[in-house]
Amino acid sequence: MRHHGLTRVGWCILLAVEEEGLKNPSEIAHYIGIDRTATSRALRQLENDGLIGREMGREDRRTTEVSLTDEGRARLRAAMPLCVENMAHFNAKLSAAESLELKRLLTLLTAGEDD
């Protein structure tokens, strides 16, 4: 990811906003599994790098809404093949049964996190 000017957290934030449609910093922090302070720091860096924009909430002006810039979308697209390659590398180490078991266990671990 560094080759694309991204950290792991930055990559996760770009994915959360673009792929999951998350806009609120608290939702993004929860989705990634990091605290709000780390999220704020990462959002500030991504904004300084021109990858995201932050605006006052449309419905609730006390909130902040995060969106990707054109450059943020371009970086995400450029880094996606590396992510796909990385996932394929690790998936190839598991049998079909092991892959299903891993998915089952991860589902158990994340169950109820949206509560």
N, C-alpha and C. Protein backbone atom coordinates (compact mmCIF):
# COMPACT_ATOMS: atom_id res chain seq x y z
N MET A 1 0.82 -1.20 0.00
CA MET A 1 0.00 0.00 0.00
C MET A 1 0.87 1.27 0.00
N ARG A 2 2.01 1.16 0.62
CA ARG A 2 2.89 2.35 0.68
C ARG A 2 3.24 2.86 -0.72
N HIS A 3 3.39 1.93 -1.67
CA HIS A 3 3.69 2.30 -3.05
C HIS A 3 2.61 3.24 -3.60
N HIS A 4 1.40 3.11 -3.10
CA HIS A 4 0.27 3.93 -3.53
C HIS A 4 0.02 5.10 -2.58
N GLY A 5 0.94 5.32 -1.65
CA GLY A 5 0.80 6.43 -0.71
C GLY A 5 -0.27 6.21 0.33
N LEU A 6 -0.51 4.95 0.69
CA LEU A 6 -1.55 4.62 1.67
C LEU A 6 -1.00 3.80 2.81
N THR A 7 -1.56 4.02 3.99
CA THR A 7 -1.30 3.14 5.12
C THR A 7 -2.41 2.10 5.15
N ARG A 8 -2.27 1.10 5.99
CA ARG A 8 -3.33 0.09 6.13
C ARG A 8 -4.62 0.75 6.59
N VAL A 9 -4.53 1.65 7.57
CA VAL A 9 -5.73 2.33 8.07
C VAL A 9 -6.32 3.23 6.99
N GLY A 10 -5.47 3.94 6.27
CA GLY A 10 -5.96 4.79 5.19
C GLY A 10 -6.70 3.99 4.13
N TRP A 11 -6.12 2.85 3.77
CA TRP A 11 -6.76 1.94 2.81
C TRP A 11 -8.13 1.50 3.32
N CYS A 12 -8.19 1.12 4.58
CA CYS A 12 -9.45 0.66 5.17
C CYS A 12 -10.49 1.78 5.18
N ILE A 13 -10.07 3.00 5.44
CA ILE A 13 -11.00 4.13 5.44
C ILE A 13 -11.54 4.36 4.03
N LEU A 14 -10.66 4.36 3.04
CA LEU A 14 -11.12 4.55 1.66
C LEU A 14 -12.13 3.47 1.28
N LEU A 15 -11.86 2.23 1.66
CA LEU A 15 -12.80 1.14 1.38
C LEU A 15 -14.13 1.35 2.12
N ALA A 16 -14.04 1.74 3.38
CA ALA A 16 -15.25 1.94 4.18
C ALA A 16 -16.15 3.00 3.56
N VAL A 17 -15.55 4.07 3.09
CA VAL A 17 -16.33 5.16 2.50
C VAL A 17 -16.86 4.78 1.12
N GLU A 18 -15.99 4.27 0.26
CA GLU A 18 -16.39 3.99 -1.12
C GLU A 18 -17.20 2.71 -1.26
N GLU A 19 -16.73 1.63 -0.66
CA GLU A 19 -17.38 0.33 -0.86
C GLU A 19 -18.55 0.10 0.10
N GLU A 20 -18.43 0.59 1.32
CA GLU A 20 -19.49 0.35 2.32
C GLU A 20 -20.45 1.52 2.45
N GLY A 21 -20.11 2.66 1.86
CA GLY A 21 -20.99 3.82 1.92
C GLY A 21 -21.03 4.52 3.27
N LEU A 22 -20.01 4.29 4.10
CA LEU A 22 -19.98 4.92 5.42
C LEU A 22 -19.49 6.36 5.28
N LYS A 23 -20.14 7.26 5.98
CA LYS A 23 -19.79 8.68 5.88
C LYS A 23 -19.41 9.30 7.22
N ASN A 24 -19.92 8.74 8.28
CA ASN A 24 -19.70 9.28 9.62
C ASN A 24 -18.40 8.72 10.22
N PRO A 25 -17.54 9.57 10.78
CA PRO A 25 -16.29 9.07 11.37
C PRO A 25 -16.48 7.98 12.42
N SER A 26 -17.52 8.06 13.20
CA SER A 26 -17.77 7.03 14.22
C SER A 26 -18.09 5.69 13.57
N GLU A 27 -18.90 5.71 12.51
CA GLU A 27 -19.22 4.48 11.78
C GLU A 27 -17.96 3.89 11.15
N ILE A 28 -17.14 4.75 10.60
CA ILE A 28 -15.89 4.31 9.97
C ILE A 28 -14.99 3.66 11.02
N ALA A 29 -14.84 4.31 12.17
CA ALA A 29 -14.00 3.78 13.26
C ALA A 29 -14.51 2.40 13.69
N HIS A 30 -15.81 2.27 13.86
CA HIS A 30 -16.40 0.99 14.28
C HIS A 30 -16.16 -0.08 13.22
N TYR A 31 -16.37 0.26 11.97
CA TYR A 31 -16.19 -0.70 10.87
C TYR A 31 -14.75 -1.21 10.81
N ILE A 32 -13.79 -0.29 10.97
CA ILE A 32 -12.38 -0.66 10.88
C ILE A 32 -11.89 -1.34 12.16
N GLY A 33 -12.50 -0.98 13.27
CA GLY A 33 -12.09 -1.56 14.54
C GLY A 33 -10.99 -0.78 15.23
N ILE A 34 -10.99 0.54 15.02
CA ILE A 34 -10.02 1.40 15.70
C ILE A 34 -10.76 2.48 16.46
N ASP A 35 -10.07 3.13 17.39
CA ASP A 35 -10.75 4.14 18.19
C ASP A 35 -10.94 5.43 17.39
N ARG A 36 -11.77 6.28 17.92
CA ARG A 36 -12.15 7.52 17.24
C ARG A 36 -10.94 8.45 17.06
N THR A 37 -10.02 8.47 18.04
CA THR A 37 -8.84 9.33 17.94
C THR A 37 -7.96 8.91 16.76
N ALA A 38 -7.72 7.61 16.62
CA ALA A 38 -6.91 7.11 15.50
C ALA A 38 -7.61 7.39 14.18
N THR A 39 -8.93 7.28 14.17
CA THR A 39 -9.69 7.57 12.95
C THR A 39 -9.56 9.03 12.58
N SER A 40 -9.69 9.92 13.55
CA SER A 40 -9.57 11.35 13.29
C SER A 40 -8.20 11.70 12.74
N ARG A 41 -7.18 11.09 13.30
CA ARG A 41 -5.81 11.33 12.84
C ARG A 41 -5.64 10.86 11.40
N ALA A 42 -6.16 9.67 11.10
CA ALA A 42 -6.05 9.13 9.74
C ALA A 42 -6.87 9.96 8.76
N LEU A 43 -8.07 10.40 9.16
CA LEU A 43 -8.89 11.24 8.29
C LEU A 43 -8.18 12.56 7.98
N ARG A 44 -7.56 13.14 8.98
CA ARG A 44 -6.82 14.39 8.78
C ARG A 44 -5.70 14.19 7.75
N GLN A 45 -4.97 13.07 7.87
CA GLN A 45 -3.89 12.80 6.93
C GLN A 45 -4.42 12.57 5.52
N LEU A 46 -5.50 11.81 5.41
CA LEU A 46 -6.10 11.56 4.09
C LEU A 46 -6.61 12.86 3.47
N GLU A 47 -7.15 13.73 4.31
CA GLU A 47 -7.63 15.03 3.82
C GLU A 47 -6.45 15.89 3.36
N ASN A 48 -5.37 15.90 4.14
CA ASN A 48 -4.17 16.65 3.76
C ASN A 48 -3.58 16.13 2.46
N ASP A 49 -3.71 14.82 2.22
CA ASP A 49 -3.21 14.20 0.99
C ASP A 49 -4.17 14.38 -0.19
N GLY A 50 -5.33 14.99 0.07
CA GLY A 50 -6.30 15.24 -0.99
C GLY A 50 -7.11 14.02 -1.40
N LEU A 51 -7.19 13.03 -0.51
CA LEU A 51 -7.90 11.79 -0.85
C LEU A 51 -9.35 11.75 -0.37
N ILE A 52 -9.64 12.54 0.64
CA ILE A 52 -11.02 12.63 1.16
C ILE A 52 -11.37 14.10 1.38
N GLY A 53 -12.66 14.32 1.49
CA GLY A 53 -13.17 15.62 1.91
C GLY A 53 -14.08 15.40 3.10
N ARG A 54 -14.14 16.40 3.95
CA ARG A 54 -15.04 16.34 5.10
C ARG A 54 -15.92 17.57 5.08
N GLU A 55 -17.23 17.34 5.26
CA GLU A 55 -18.19 18.43 5.27
C GLU A 55 -19.12 18.29 6.46
N MET A 56 -19.74 19.40 6.81
CA MET A 56 -20.75 19.38 7.85
C MET A 56 -21.92 18.54 7.36
N GLY A 57 -22.50 17.75 8.26
CA GLY A 57 -23.63 16.90 7.90
C GLY A 57 -24.79 17.67 7.31
N ARG A 58 -25.44 17.10 6.31
CA ARG A 58 -26.57 17.77 5.66
C ARG A 58 -27.81 17.76 6.55
N GLU A 59 -28.08 16.61 7.16
CA GLU A 59 -29.27 16.49 7.99
C GLU A 59 -29.04 16.96 9.42
N ASP A 60 -27.87 16.67 9.94
CA ASP A 60 -27.51 17.08 11.30
C ASP A 60 -26.19 17.83 11.20
N ARG A 61 -26.26 19.15 11.34
CA ARG A 61 -25.09 19.99 11.12
C ARG A 61 -24.03 19.82 12.21
N ARG A 62 -24.33 19.02 13.24
CA ARG A 62 -23.33 18.74 14.28
C ARG A 62 -22.42 17.59 13.88
N THR A 63 -22.75 16.91 12.81
CA THR A 63 -21.98 15.75 12.38
C THR A 63 -21.04 16.12 11.22
N THR A 64 -20.16 15.20 10.93
CA THR A 64 -19.23 15.35 9.80
C THR A 64 -19.49 14.22 8.82
N GLU A 65 -19.48 14.55 7.54
CA GLU A 65 -19.63 13.54 6.49
C GLU A 65 -18.33 13.46 5.69
N VAL A 66 -17.86 12.24 5.50
CA VAL A 66 -16.62 11.98 4.78
C VAL A 66 -16.96 11.49 3.38
N SER A 67 -16.23 11.99 2.39
CA SER A 67 -16.40 11.52 1.02
C SER A 67 -15.03 11.43 0.35
N LEU A 68 -14.93 10.58 -0.65
CA LEU A 68 -13.69 10.46 -1.39
C LEU A 68 -13.62 11.53 -2.47
N THR A 69 -12.42 12.02 -2.69
CA THR A 69 -12.18 12.93 -3.80
C THR A 69 -11.91 12.07 -5.05
N ASP A 70 -11.80 12.72 -6.18
CA ASP A 70 -11.45 11.99 -7.40
C ASP A 70 -10.10 11.30 -7.23
N GLU A 71 -9.15 11.99 -6.58
CA GLU A 71 -7.83 11.40 -6.34
C GLU A 71 -7.93 10.20 -5.40
N GLY A 72 -8.80 10.28 -4.39
CA GLY A 72 -9.01 9.16 -3.47
C GLY A 72 -9.55 7.94 -4.21
N ARG A 73 -10.50 8.16 -5.10
CA ARG A 73 -11.04 7.05 -5.91
C ARG A 73 -9.97 6.48 -6.82
N ALA A 74 -9.15 7.34 -7.40
CA ALA A 74 -8.08 6.87 -8.29
C ALA A 74 -7.07 6.03 -7.53
N ARG A 75 -6.70 6.44 -6.31
CA ARG A 75 -5.76 5.66 -5.50
C ARG A 75 -6.35 4.32 -5.12
N LEU A 76 -7.62 4.33 -4.76
CA LEU A 76 -8.30 3.10 -4.39
C LEU A 76 -8.28 2.13 -5.57
N ARG A 77 -8.63 2.61 -6.75
CA ARG A 77 -8.61 1.76 -7.96
C ARG A 77 -7.20 1.27 -8.27
N ALA A 78 -6.21 2.14 -8.11
CA ALA A 78 -4.83 1.75 -8.41
C ALA A 78 -4.31 0.69 -7.45
N ALA A 79 -4.74 0.75 -6.19
CA ALA A 79 -4.26 -0.20 -5.18
C ALA A 79 -5.06 -1.50 -5.15
N MET A 80 -6.23 -1.50 -5.76
CA MET A 80 -7.10 -2.68 -5.70
C MET A 80 -6.44 -3.95 -6.23
N PRO A 81 -5.72 -3.91 -7.36
CA PRO A 81 -5.09 -5.16 -7.84
C PRO A 81 -4.12 -5.75 -6.82
N LEU A 82 -3.40 -4.92 -6.09
CA LEU A 82 -2.49 -5.41 -5.05
C LEU A 82 -3.29 -6.11 -3.96
N CYS A 83 -4.40 -5.55 -3.58
CA CYS A 83 -5.25 -6.15 -2.55
C CYS A 83 -5.80 -7.49 -3.02
N VAL A 84 -6.27 -7.54 -4.25
CA VAL A 84 -6.81 -8.79 -4.82
C VAL A 84 -5.71 -9.85 -4.88
N GLU A 85 -4.53 -9.44 -5.31
CA GLU A 85 -3.40 -10.37 -5.37
C GLU A 85 -3.03 -10.90 -3.98
N ASN A 86 -3.04 -10.03 -3.01
CA ASN A 86 -2.73 -10.42 -1.64
C ASN A 86 -3.76 -11.39 -1.10
N MET A 87 -5.03 -11.12 -1.35
CA MET A 87 -6.09 -12.01 -0.89
C MET A 87 -5.97 -13.37 -1.56
N ALA A 88 -5.67 -13.39 -2.86
CA ALA A 88 -5.52 -14.65 -3.59
C ALA A 88 -4.35 -15.45 -3.04
N HIS A 89 -3.26 -14.77 -2.71
CA HIS A 89 -2.08 -15.43 -2.15
C HIS A 89 -2.43 -16.19 -0.87
N PHE A 90 -3.14 -15.52 0.04
CA PHE A 90 -3.46 -16.16 1.31
C PHE A 90 -4.60 -17.17 1.17
N ASN A 91 -5.56 -16.90 0.30
CA ASN A 91 -6.64 -17.87 0.07
C ASN A 91 -6.10 -19.17 -0.51
N ALA A 92 -5.05 -19.09 -1.32
CA ALA A 92 -4.47 -20.28 -1.93
C ALA A 92 -3.82 -21.20 -0.90
N LYS A 93 -3.53 -20.69 0.26
CA LYS A 93 -2.91 -21.50 1.31
C LYS A 93 -3.93 -22.37 2.04
N LEU A 94 -5.22 -22.12 1.80
CA LEU A 94 -6.28 -22.87 2.49
C LEU A 94 -7.01 -23.78 1.50
N SER A 95 -7.42 -24.92 2.01
CA SER A 95 -8.30 -25.78 1.21
C SER A 95 -9.69 -25.14 1.19
N ALA A 96 -10.56 -25.66 0.34
CA ALA A 96 -11.93 -25.14 0.27
C ALA A 96 -12.62 -25.27 1.63
N ALA A 97 -12.42 -26.40 2.30
CA ALA A 97 -13.04 -26.62 3.61
C ALA A 97 -12.47 -25.65 4.65
N GLU A 98 -11.17 -25.44 4.62
CA GLU A 98 -10.53 -24.51 5.56
C GLU A 98 -11.01 -23.08 5.32
N SER A 99 -11.17 -22.72 4.06
CA SER A 99 -11.66 -21.38 3.73
C SER A 99 -13.07 -21.17 4.26
N LEU A 100 -13.93 -22.17 4.09
CA LEU A 100 -15.29 -22.08 4.63
C LEU A 100 -15.28 -21.98 6.15
N GLU A 101 -14.41 -22.77 6.78
CA GLU A 101 -14.31 -22.73 8.24
C GLU A 101 -13.82 -21.36 8.72
N LEU A 102 -12.85 -20.81 8.03
CA LEU A 102 -12.35 -19.48 8.39
C LEU A 102 -13.47 -18.45 8.29
N LYS A 103 -14.22 -18.48 7.21
CA LYS A 103 -15.33 -17.54 7.04
C LYS A 103 -16.37 -17.72 8.14
N ARG A 104 -16.65 -18.98 8.49
CA ARG A 104 -17.61 -19.26 9.56
C ARG A 104 -17.12 -18.67 10.89
N LEU A 105 -15.85 -18.88 11.19
CA LEU A 105 -15.29 -18.37 12.44
C LEU A 105 -15.24 -16.85 12.47
N LEU A 106 -14.90 -16.24 11.36
CA LEU A 106 -14.88 -14.78 11.31
C LEU A 106 -16.28 -14.21 11.48
N THR A 107 -17.27 -14.89 10.93
CA THR A 107 -18.65 -14.46 11.11
C THR A 107 -19.04 -14.53 12.59
N LEU A 108 -18.62 -15.59 13.27
CA LEU A 108 -18.88 -15.71 14.71
C LEU A 108 -18.22 -14.57 15.49
N LEU A 109 -16.98 -14.27 15.12
CA LEU A 109 -16.24 -13.22 15.83
C LEU A 109 -16.86 -11.84 15.65
N THR A 110 -17.44 -11.60 14.48
CA THR A 110 -17.99 -10.27 14.20
C THR A 110 -19.50 -10.18 14.46
N ALA A 111 -20.13 -11.28 14.84
CA ALA A 111 -21.57 -11.28 15.10
C ALA A 111 -21.89 -10.31 16.22
N GLY A 112 -22.92 -9.55 16.01
CA GLY A 112 -23.38 -8.62 17.04
C GLY A 112 -22.60 -7.33 17.11
N GLU A 113 -21.64 -7.10 16.24
CA GLU A 113 -20.86 -5.87 16.29
C GLU A 113 -21.65 -4.67 15.82
N ASP A 114 -22.75 -4.88 15.12
CA ASP A 114 -23.55 -3.76 14.65
C ASP A 114 -24.56 -3.29 15.69
N ASP A 115 -24.58 -3.99 16.82
CA ASP A 115 -25.55 -3.64 17.88
C ASP A 115 -25.16 -2.36 18.57
